Amino acid sequence: MPLSLASISHVLEAILGESLALRV
């Protein structure tokens, strides 16, 4: 797995987690 894909997926997870936390 390319490092770029790993970093992108990690960033997306962080953004989704933050948005979910803000919604709750």
Protein backbone atom coordinates (compact mmCIF):
# COMPACT_ATOMS: atom_id res chain seq x y z
CA MET A 1 0.00 0.00 0.00
CA PRO A 2 1.48 3.34 -1.06
CA LEU A 3 2.23 5.78 1.74
CA SER A 4 0.00 8.40 0.08
CA LEU A 5 -3.05 6.12 0.21
CA ALA A 6 -2.35 5.29 3.85
CA SER A 7 -2.04 8.95 4.80
CA ILE A 8 -5.16 9.88 2.83
CA SER A 9 -7.23 7.15 4.47
CA HIS A 10 -5.91 8.21 7.89
CA VAL A 11 -6.86 11.84 7.22
CA LEU A 12 -10.33 10.82 6.01
CA GLU A 13 -10.83 8.74 9.15
CA ALA A 14 -9.81 11.69 11.34
CA ILE A 15 -12.18 14.03 9.50
CA LEU A 16 -15.07 11.56 9.71
CA GLY A 17 -14.38 10.96 13.41
CA GLU A 18 -14.32 14.69 14.14
CA SER A 19 -17.54 15.33 12.19
CA LEU A 20 -19.28 12.47 14.00
CA ALA A 21 -18.06 13.76 17.37
CA LEU A 22 -19.32 17.25 16.52
CA ARG A 23 -22.72 15.88 15.44
CA VAL A 24 -23.04 14.00 18.73
